[in-house]
Structures are given as structure tokens and as C-alpha cells.
Amino acid sequence: MEQSGIDAMAQIKKVEDTGKSENFNPVIIIGYEVFIPNESSYYFEKEIAMPTDAVLKIKSLIGKSYKARVHPTDRTKIVVDINF
């Protein structure tokens, strides 16, 4: 997706705990609003497992926007460039 993906921006709208875990890491739901140039923005949620310290950091990023790459045919597959 790094090469064939579409340039976009993703704003983190929500981060919620699911109460589940995967490989001893908590699973959270991240809600993104995605902005692709010359298209309407859209919202979707994605479940992801990550270490507890990363969860605490990402919760502090709600409302911030980051560069992203979106899959050309499946707009729910994105890579968001978040650096802590």
C-alpha cells in the first residue's frame, strides 16, 4: 500500500477500550475521519491491539490529524503515520 495507496489525512476522533486482549495486549477501537483530496471525508472504526503504554499515548492524540495512505479499492484499509 506504500506505493499504490492514495495520499490522505486521518483525524483520530475516538479511542475506546473493548475489554478484549490479543497476545496480552489490550484491543482498542480507533475512530478515524479520513480526508482524501477532492473527495468527501468519511468515518470508520478499526479494532487494533497495542501495548498498554501505546494506548495511553494514542488517547492523548484524539482530535489530531496525521498523514495516511488509503487502499485504492478498500477505504477501510489505511496506514496512519503516527510517531510518538
PDB file of N, CA and C in Angstrom:
ATOM      1  N   MET A   1       0.827  -1.180   0.000  1.00  0.00           N
ATOM      2  CA  MET A   1       0.000   0.000   0.000  1.00  0.00           C
ATOM      3  C   MET A   1       0.877   1.252   0.000  1.00  0.00           C
ATOM      4  N   GLU A   2       2.110   1.124   0.414  1.00  0.00           N
ATOM      5  CA  GLU A   2       3.001   2.279   0.404  1.00  0.00           C
ATOM      6  C   GLU A   2       3.110   2.884  -0.991  1.00  0.00           C
ATOM      7  N   GLN A   3       3.113   2.052  -2.029  1.00  0.00           N
ATOM      8  CA  GLN A   3       3.269   2.560  -3.385  1.00  0.00           C
ATOM      9  C   GLN A   3       1.941   2.808  -4.082  1.00  0.00           C
ATOM     10  N   SER A   4       0.983   1.904  -3.907  1.00  0.00           N
ATOM     11  CA  SER A   4      -0.276   2.034  -4.634  1.00  0.00           C
ATOM     12  C   SER A   4      -1.346   2.786  -3.846  1.00  0.00           C
ATOM     13  N   GLY A   5      -1.071   3.107  -2.572  1.00  0.00           N
ATOM     14  CA  GLY A   5      -2.058   3.786  -1.745  1.00  0.00           C
ATOM     15  C   GLY A   5      -2.285   5.227  -2.159  1.00  0.00           C
ATOM     16  N   ILE A   6      -3.404   5.775  -1.717  1.00  0.00           N
ATOM     17  CA  ILE A   6      -3.793   7.149  -2.004  1.00  0.00           C
ATOM     18  C   ILE A   6      -3.390   8.020  -0.820  1.00  0.00           C
ATOM     19  N   ASP A   7      -2.770   9.163  -1.098  1.00  0.00           N
ATOM     20  CA  ASP A   7      -2.411  10.099  -0.031  1.00  0.00           C
ATOM     21  C   ASP A   7      -3.670  10.653   0.615  1.00  0.00           C
ATOM     22  N   ALA A   8      -3.659  10.735   1.951  1.00  0.00           N
ATOM     23  CA  ALA A   8      -4.816  11.238   2.691  1.00  0.00           C
ATOM     24  C   ALA A   8      -4.354  11.793   4.027  1.00  0.00           C
ATOM     25  N   MET A   9      -5.307  12.315   4.764  1.00  0.00           N
ATOM     26  CA  MET A   9      -5.098  12.718   6.151  1.00  0.00           C
ATOM     27  C   MET A   9      -6.150  11.991   6.978  1.00  0.00           C
ATOM     28  N   ALA A  10      -5.748  11.540   8.172  1.00  0.00           N
ATOM     29  CA  ALA A  10      -6.679  10.849   9.065  1.00  0.00           C
ATOM     30  C   ALA A  10      -6.677  11.557  10.411  1.00  0.00           C
ATOM     31  N   GLN A  11      -7.868  11.942  10.856  1.00  0.00           N
ATOM     32  CA  GLN A  11      -8.008  12.559  12.165  1.00  0.00           C
ATOM     33  C   GLN A  11      -8.552  11.520  13.132  1.00  0.00           C
ATOM     34  N   ILE A  12      -7.893  11.392  14.284  1.00  0.00           N
ATOM     35  CA  ILE A  12      -8.348  10.456  15.310  1.00  0.00           C
ATOM     36  C   ILE A  12      -9.532  11.097  16.024  1.00  0.00           C
ATOM     37  N   LYS A  13     -10.686  10.456  15.929  1.00  0.00           N
ATOM     38  CA  LYS A  13     -11.915  11.004  16.514  1.00  0.00           C
ATOM     39  C   LYS A  13     -12.241  10.363  17.856  1.00  0.00           C
ATOM     40  N   LYS A  14     -11.895   9.087  18.034  1.00  0.00           N
ATOM     41  CA  LYS A  14     -12.157   8.441  19.321  1.00  0.00           C
ATOM     42  C   LYS A  14     -11.224   7.260  19.513  1.00  0.00           C
ATOM     43  N   VAL A  15     -10.984   6.937  20.771  1.00  0.00           N
ATOM     44  CA  VAL A  15     -10.211   5.762  21.165  1.00  0.00           C
ATOM     45  C   VAL A  15     -10.960   5.149  22.341  1.00  0.00           C
ATOM     46  N   GLU A  16     -11.400   3.900  22.191  1.00  0.00           N
ATOM     47  CA  GLU A  16     -12.173   3.241  23.244  1.00  0.00           C
ATOM     48  C   GLU A  16     -11.613   1.851  23.519  1.00  0.00           C
ATOM     49  N   ASP A  17     -11.643   1.465  24.788  1.00  0.00           N
ATOM     50  CA  ASP A  17     -11.263   0.109  25.164  1.00  0.00           C
ATOM     51  C   ASP A  17     -12.396  -0.847  24.803  1.00  0.00           C
ATOM     52  N   THR A  18     -12.039  -2.055  24.349  1.00  0.00           N
ATOM     53  CA  THR A  18     -13.060  -3.049  24.022  1.00  0.00           C
ATOM     54  C   THR A  18     -13.256  -4.060  25.146  1.00  0.00           C
ATOM     55  N   GLY A  19     -12.283  -4.121  26.072  1.00  0.00           N
ATOM     56  CA  GLY A  19     -12.333  -5.139  27.124  1.00  0.00           C
ATOM     57  C   GLY A  19     -11.736  -6.453  26.668  1.00  0.00           C
ATOM     58  N   LYS A  20     -11.272  -6.504  25.419  1.00  0.00           N
ATOM     59  CA  LYS A  20     -10.644  -7.717  24.883  1.00  0.00           C
ATOM     60  C   LYS A  20      -9.134  -7.552  24.885  1.00  0.00           C
ATOM     61  N   SER A  21      -8.441  -8.673  24.710  1.00  0.00           N
ATOM     62  CA  SER A  21      -6.985  -8.607  24.575  1.00  0.00           C
ATOM     63  C   SER A  21      -6.536  -9.599  23.508  1.00  0.00           C
ATOM     64  N   GLU A  22      -5.355  -9.332  22.978  1.00  0.00           N
ATOM     65  CA  GLU A  22      -4.755 -10.184  21.956  1.00  0.00           C
ATOM     66  C   GLU A  22      -3.261 -10.253  22.249  1.00  0.00           C
ATOM     67  N   ASN A  23      -2.754 -11.450  22.464  1.00  0.00           N
ATOM     68  CA  ASN A  23      -1.339 -11.630  22.822  1.00  0.00           C
ATOM     69  C   ASN A  23      -0.953 -10.753  24.013  1.00  0.00           C
ATOM     70  N   PHE A  24      -1.841 -10.692  25.012  1.00  0.00           N
ATOM     71  CA  PHE A  24      -1.637  -9.941  26.252  1.00  0.00           C
ATOM     72  C   PHE A  24      -1.629  -8.429  26.063  1.00  0.00           C
ATOM     73  N   ASN A  25      -2.036  -7.950  24.892  1.00  0.00           N
ATOM     74  CA  ASN A  25      -2.163  -6.512  24.639  1.00  0.00           C
ATOM     75  C   ASN A  25      -3.640  -6.151  24.573  1.00  0.00           C
ATOM     76  N   PRO A  26      -4.028  -5.001  25.141  1.00  0.00           N
ATOM     77  CA  PRO A  26      -5.428  -4.600  25.049  1.00  0.00           C
ATOM     78  C   PRO A  26      -5.829  -4.291  23.606  1.00  0.00           C
ATOM     79  N   VAL A  27      -7.070  -4.620  23.279  1.00  0.00           N
ATOM     80  CA  VAL A  27      -7.630  -4.302  21.964  1.00  0.00           C
ATOM     81  C   VAL A  27      -8.482  -3.051  22.131  1.00  0.00           C
ATOM     82  N   ILE A  28      -8.228  -2.062  21.284  1.00  0.00           N
ATOM     83  CA  ILE A  28      -8.982  -0.811  21.326  1.00  0.00           C
ATOM     84  C   ILE A  28      -9.676  -0.587  19.988  1.00  0.00           C
ATOM     85  N   ILE A  29     -10.651   0.292  20.007  1.00  0.00           N
ATOM     86  CA  ILE A  29     -11.296   0.748  18.779  1.00  0.00           C
ATOM     87  C   ILE A  29     -10.821   2.175  18.545  1.00  0.00           C
ATOM     88  N   ILE A  30     -10.291   2.423  17.354  1.00  0.00           N
ATOM     89  CA  ILE A  30      -9.901   3.771  16.970  1.00  0.00           C
ATOM     90  C   ILE A  30     -10.863   4.238  15.885  1.00  0.00           C
ATOM     91  N   GLY A  31     -11.450   5.399  16.094  1.00  0.00           N
ATOM     92  CA  GLY A  31     -12.336   6.003  15.103  1.00  0.00           C
ATOM     93  C   GLY A  31     -11.583   7.073  14.339  1.00  0.00           C
ATOM     94  N   TYR A  32     -11.578   6.961  13.030  1.00  0.00           N
ATOM     95  CA  TYR A  32     -10.869   7.905  12.157  1.00  0.00           C
ATOM     96  C   TYR A  32     -11.856   8.640  11.259  1.00  0.00           C
ATOM     97  N   GLU A  33     -11.608   9.925  11.038  1.00  0.00           N
ATOM     98  CA  GLU A  33     -12.242  10.628   9.930  1.00  0.00           C
ATOM     99  C   GLU A  33     -11.147  10.810   8.898  1.00  0.00           C
ATOM    100  N   VAL A  34     -11.384  10.315   7.698  1.00  0.00           N
ATOM    101  CA  VAL A  34     -10.369  10.301   6.652  1.00  0.00           C
ATOM    102  C   VAL A  34     -10.711  11.343   5.590  1.00  0.00           C
ATOM    103  N   PHE A  35      -9.692  12.109   5.233  1.00  0.00           N
ATOM    104  CA  PHE A  35      -9.833  13.173   4.235  1.00  0.00           C
ATOM    105  C   PHE A  35      -8.928  12.852   3.047  1.00  0.00           C
ATOM    106  N   ILE A  36      -9.554  12.627   1.892  1.00  0.00           N
ATOM    107  CA  ILE A  36      -8.830  12.389   0.649  1.00  0.00           C
ATOM    108  C   ILE A  36      -9.083  13.597  -0.240  1.00  0.00           C
ATOM    109  N   PRO A  37      -8.032  14.172  -0.835  1.00  0.00           N
ATOM    110  CA  PRO A  37      -8.228  15.355  -1.682  1.00  0.00           C
ATOM    111  C   PRO A  37      -9.299  15.119  -2.752  1.00  0.00           C
ATOM    112  N   ASN A  38     -10.161  16.102  -2.925  1.00  0.00           N
ATOM    113  CA  ASN A  38     -11.223  16.107  -3.945  1.00  0.00           C
ATOM    114  C   ASN A  38     -12.291  15.036  -3.732  1.00  0.00           C
ATOM    115  N   GLU A  39     -12.416  14.531  -2.495  1.00  0.00           N
ATOM    116  CA  GLU A  39     -13.466  13.559  -2.171  1.00  0.00           C
ATOM    117  C   GLU A  39     -14.103  13.959  -0.848  1.00  0.00           C
ATOM    118  N   SER A  40     -15.287  13.421  -0.591  1.00  0.00           N
ATOM    119  CA  SER A  40     -15.935  13.662   0.692  1.00  0.00           C
ATOM    120  C   SER A  40     -15.195  12.883   1.779  1.00  0.00           C
ATOM    121  N   SER A  41     -15.108  13.476   2.954  1.00  0.00           N
ATOM    122  CA  SER A  41     -14.478  12.758   4.060  1.00  0.00           C
ATOM    123  C   SER A  41     -15.398  11.618   4.500  1.00  0.00           C
ATOM    124  N   TYR A  42     -14.846  10.648   5.188  1.00  0.00           N
ATOM    125  CA  TYR A  42     -15.647   9.543   5.696  1.00  0.00           C
ATOM    126  C   TYR A  42     -15.092   9.102   7.038  1.00  0.00           C
ATOM    127  N   TYR A  43     -15.940   8.443   7.826  1.00  0.00           N
ATOM    128  CA  TYR A  43     -15.593   7.982   9.167  1.00  0.00           C
ATOM    129  C   TYR A  43     -15.649   6.468   9.197  1.00  0.00           C
ATOM    130  N   PHE A  44     -14.698   5.862   9.876  1.00  0.00           N
ATOM    131  CA  PHE A  44     -14.786   4.429  10.132  1.00  0.00           C
ATOM    132  C   PHE A  44     -14.012   4.101  11.393  1.00  0.00           C
ATOM    133  N   GLU A  45     -14.294   2.926  11.936  1.00  0.00           N
ATOM    134  CA  GLU A  45     -13.639   2.475  13.149  1.00  0.00           C
ATOM    135  C   GLU A  45     -12.871   1.203  12.870  1.00  0.00           C
ATOM    136  N   LYS A  46     -11.756   1.047  13.590  1.00  0.00           N
ATOM    137  CA  LYS A  46     -10.886  -0.094  13.383  1.00  0.00           C
ATOM    138  C   LYS A  46     -10.456  -0.631  14.747  1.00  0.00           C
ATOM    139  N   GLU A  47     -10.531  -1.956  14.937  1.00  0.00           N
ATOM    140  CA  GLU A  47     -10.020  -2.579  16.154  1.00  0.00           C
ATOM    141  C   GLU A  47      -8.554  -2.896  15.964  1.00  0.00           C
ATOM    142  N   ILE A  48      -7.768  -2.606  16.994  1.00  0.00           N
ATOM    143  CA  ILE A  48      -6.337  -2.862  16.921  1.00  0.00           C
ATOM    144  C   ILE A  48      -5.821  -3.193  18.318  1.00  0.00           C
ATOM    145  N   ALA A  49      -4.896  -4.153  18.382  1.00  0.00           N
ATOM    146  CA  ALA A  49      -4.243  -4.498  19.643  1.00  0.00           C
ATOM    147  C   ALA A  49      -2.916  -3.762  19.699  1.00  0.00           C
ATOM    148  N   MET A  50      -2.624  -3.189  20.876  1.00  0.00           N
ATOM    149  CA  MET A  50      -1.344  -2.499  21.042  1.00  0.00           C
ATOM    150  C   MET A  50      -0.963  -2.506  22.512  1.00  0.00           C
ATOM    151  N   PRO A  51       0.326  -2.328  22.793  1.00  0.00           N
ATOM    152  CA  PRO A  51       0.770  -2.314  24.187  1.00  0.00           C
ATOM    153  C   PRO A  51       0.075  -1.213  24.993  1.00  0.00           C
ATOM    154  N   THR A  52      -0.098  -1.463  26.278  1.00  0.00           N
ATOM    155  CA  THR A  52      -0.809  -0.539  27.155  1.00  0.00           C
ATOM    156  C   THR A  52      -0.223   0.866  27.125  1.00  0.00           C
ATOM    157  N   ASP A  53       1.105   0.995  27.123  1.00  0.00           N
ATOM    158  CA  ASP A  53       1.700   2.335  27.115  1.00  0.00           C
ATOM    159  C   ASP A  53       1.374   3.080  25.823  1.00  0.00           C
ATOM    160  N   ALA A  54       1.285   2.369  24.705  1.00  0.00           N
ATOM    161  CA  ALA A  54       0.917   2.999  23.435  1.00  0.00           C
ATOM    162  C   ALA A  54      -0.545   3.439  23.451  1.00  0.00           C
ATOM    163  N   VAL A  55      -1.413   2.651  24.112  1.00  0.00           N
ATOM    164  CA  VAL A  55      -2.829   3.012  24.216  1.00  0.00           C
ATOM    165  C   VAL A  55      -2.962   4.342  24.963  1.00  0.00           C
ATOM    166  N   LEU A  56      -2.233   4.482  26.043  1.00  0.00           N
ATOM    167  CA  LEU A  56      -2.291   5.717  26.824  1.00  0.00           C
ATOM    168  C   LEU A  56      -1.823   6.909  25.989  1.00  0.00           C
ATOM    169  N   LYS A  57      -0.789   6.714  25.185  1.00  0.00           N
ATOM    170  CA  LYS A  57      -0.282   7.794  24.336  1.00  0.00           C
ATOM    171  C   LYS A  57      -1.277   8.154  23.242  1.00  0.00           C
ATOM    172  N   ILE A  58      -1.857   7.132  22.608  1.00  0.00           N
ATOM    173  CA  ILE A  58      -2.764   7.419  21.486  1.00  0.00           C
ATOM    174  C   ILE A  58      -4.050   8.105  21.962  1.00  0.00           C
ATOM    175  N   LYS A  59      -4.473   7.831  23.202  1.00  0.00           N
ATOM    176  CA  LYS A  59      -5.655   8.517  23.731  1.00  0.00           C
ATOM    177  C   LYS A  59      -5.419  10.014  23.833  1.00  0.00           C
ATOM    178  N   SER A  60      -4.162  10.420  24.004  1.00  0.00           N
ATOM    179  CA  SER A  60      -3.858  11.852  24.100  1.00  0.00           C
ATOM    180  C   SER A  60      -3.836  12.523  22.724  1.00  0.00           C
ATOM    181  N   LEU A  61      -3.968  11.740  21.657  1.00  0.00           N
ATOM    182  CA  LEU A  61      -3.907  12.277  20.300  1.00  0.00           C
ATOM    183  C   LEU A  61      -5.275  12.513  19.664  1.00  0.00           C
ATOM    184  N   ILE A  62      -6.347  12.284  20.421  1.00  0.00           N
ATOM    185  CA  ILE A  62      -7.695  12.476  19.883  1.00  0.00           C
ATOM    186  C   ILE A  62      -7.841  13.922  19.404  1.00  0.00           C
ATOM    187  N   GLY A  63      -8.339  14.074  18.183  1.00  0.00           N
ATOM    188  CA  GLY A  63      -8.534  15.385  17.586  1.00  0.00           C
ATOM    189  C   GLY A  63      -7.390  15.822  16.685  1.00  0.00           C
ATOM    190  N   LYS A  64      -6.287  15.098  16.706  1.00  0.00           N
ATOM    191  CA  LYS A  64      -5.144  15.456  15.868  1.00  0.00           C
ATOM    192  C   LYS A  64      -5.192  14.689  14.550  1.00  0.00           C
ATOM    193  N   SER A  65      -4.581  15.274  13.525  1.00  0.00           N
ATOM    194  CA  SER A  65      -4.582  14.675  12.186  1.00  0.00           C
ATOM    195  C   SER A  65      -3.169  14.255  11.788  1.00  0.00           C
ATOM    196  N   TYR A  66      -3.105  13.185  11.005  1.00  0.00           N
ATOM    197  CA  TYR A  66      -1.826  12.624  10.573  1.00  0.00           C
ATOM    198  C   TYR A  66      -1.906  12.212   9.109  1.00  0.00           C
ATOM    199  N   LYS A  67      -0.744  12.206   8.465  1.00  0.00           N
ATOM    200  CA  LYS A  67      -0.678  11.717   7.090  1.00  0.00           C
ATOM    201  C   LYS A  67      -1.062  10.245   7.080  1.00  0.00           C
ATOM    202  N   ALA A  68      -1.706   9.857   5.991  1.00  0.00           N
ATOM    203  CA  ALA A  68      -2.151   8.466   5.866  1.00  0.00           C
ATOM    204  C   ALA A  68      -2.082   8.042   4.404  1.00  0.00           C
ATOM    205  N   ARG A  69      -2.125   6.731   4.211  1.00  0.00           N
ATOM    206  CA  ARG A  69      -2.244   6.147   2.870  1.00  0.00           C
ATOM    207  C   ARG A  69      -3.452   5.230   2.921  1.00  0.00           C
ATOM    208  N   VAL A  70      -4.303   5.352   1.908  1.00  0.00           N
ATOM    209  CA  VAL A  70      -5.557   4.600   1.849  1.00  0.00           C
ATOM    210  C   VAL A  70      -5.490   3.629   0.681  1.00  0.00           C
ATOM    211  N   HIS A  71      -5.962   2.407   0.903  1.00  0.00           N
ATOM    212  CA  HIS A  71      -6.020   1.401  -0.149  1.00  0.00           C
ATOM    213  C   HIS A  71      -6.918   1.916  -1.273  1.00  0.00           C
ATOM    214  N   PRO A  72      -6.529   1.736  -2.533  1.00  0.00           N
ATOM    215  CA  PRO A  72      -7.316   2.303  -3.637  1.00  0.00           C
ATOM    216  C   PRO A  72      -8.737   1.755  -3.784  1.00  0.00           C
ATOM    217  N   THR A  73      -8.988   0.515  -3.354  1.00  0.00           N
ATOM    218  CA  THR A  73     -10.336  -0.044  -3.520  1.00  0.00           C
ATOM    219  C   THR A  73     -11.049  -0.340  -2.206  1.00  0.00           C
ATOM    220  N   ASP A  74     -10.317  -0.475  -1.103  1.00  0.00           N
ATOM    221  CA  ASP A  74     -10.934  -0.733   0.208  1.00  0.00           C
ATOM    222  C   ASP A  74     -10.547   0.415   1.133  1.00  0.00           C
ATOM    223  N   ARG A  75     -11.428   1.383   1.264  1.00  0.00           N
ATOM    224  CA  ARG A  75     -11.117   2.614   2.000  1.00  0.00           C
ATOM    225  C   ARG A  75     -10.988   2.403   3.512  1.00  0.00           C
ATOM    226  N   THR A  76     -11.292   1.188   4.019  1.00  0.00           N
ATOM    227  CA  THR A  76     -11.102   0.919   5.442  1.00  0.00           C
ATOM    228  C   THR A  76      -9.704   0.367   5.735  1.00  0.00           C
ATOM    229  N   LYS A  77      -8.915   0.175   4.708  1.00  0.00           N
ATOM    230  CA  LYS A  77      -7.530  -0.255   4.898  1.00  0.00           C
ATOM    231  C   LYS A  77      -6.643   0.975   4.752  1.00  0.00           C
ATOM    232  N   ILE A  78      -6.135   1.425   5.899  1.00  0.00           N
ATOM    233  CA  ILE A  78      -5.274   2.605   5.869  1.00  0.00           C
ATOM    234  C   ILE A  78      -4.038   2.381   6.720  1.00  0.00           C
ATOM    235  N   VAL A  79      -3.032   3.131   6.403  1.00  0.00           N
ATOM    236  CA  VAL A  79      -1.821   3.195   7.213  1.00  0.00           C
ATOM    237  C   VAL A  79      -1.691   4.646   7.654  1.00  0.00           C
ATOM    238  N   VAL A  80      -1.666   4.864   8.958  1.00  0.00           N
ATOM    239  CA  VAL A  80      -1.585   6.219   9.507  1.00  0.00           C
ATOM    240  C   VAL A  80      -0.193   6.426  10.084  1.00  0.00           C
ATOM    241  N   ASP A  81       0.432   7.505   9.721  1.00  0.00           N
ATOM    242  CA  ASP A  81       1.807   7.804  10.140  1.00  0.00           C
ATOM    243  C   ASP A  81       1.804   8.534  11.481  1.00  0.00           C
ATOM    244  N   ILE A  82       1.740   7.761  12.577  1.00  0.00           N
ATOM    245  CA  ILE A  82       1.767   8.327  13.923  1.00  0.00           C
ATOM    246  C   ILE A  82       3.104   7.974  14.559  1.00  0.00           C
ATOM    247  N   ASN A  83       3.825   8.998  14.961  1.00  0.00           N
ATOM    248  CA  ASN A  83       5.097   8.794  15.655  1.00  0.00           C
ATOM    249  C   ASN A  83       4.980   9.369  17.062  1.00  0.00           C
ATOM    250  N   PHE A  84       5.347   8.561  18.033  1.00  0.00           N
ATOM    251  CA  PHE A  84       5.292   9.024  19.435  1.00  0.00           C
ATOM    252  C   PHE A  84       6.610   9.668  19.807  1.00  0.00           C
TER     253      PHE A  84
END
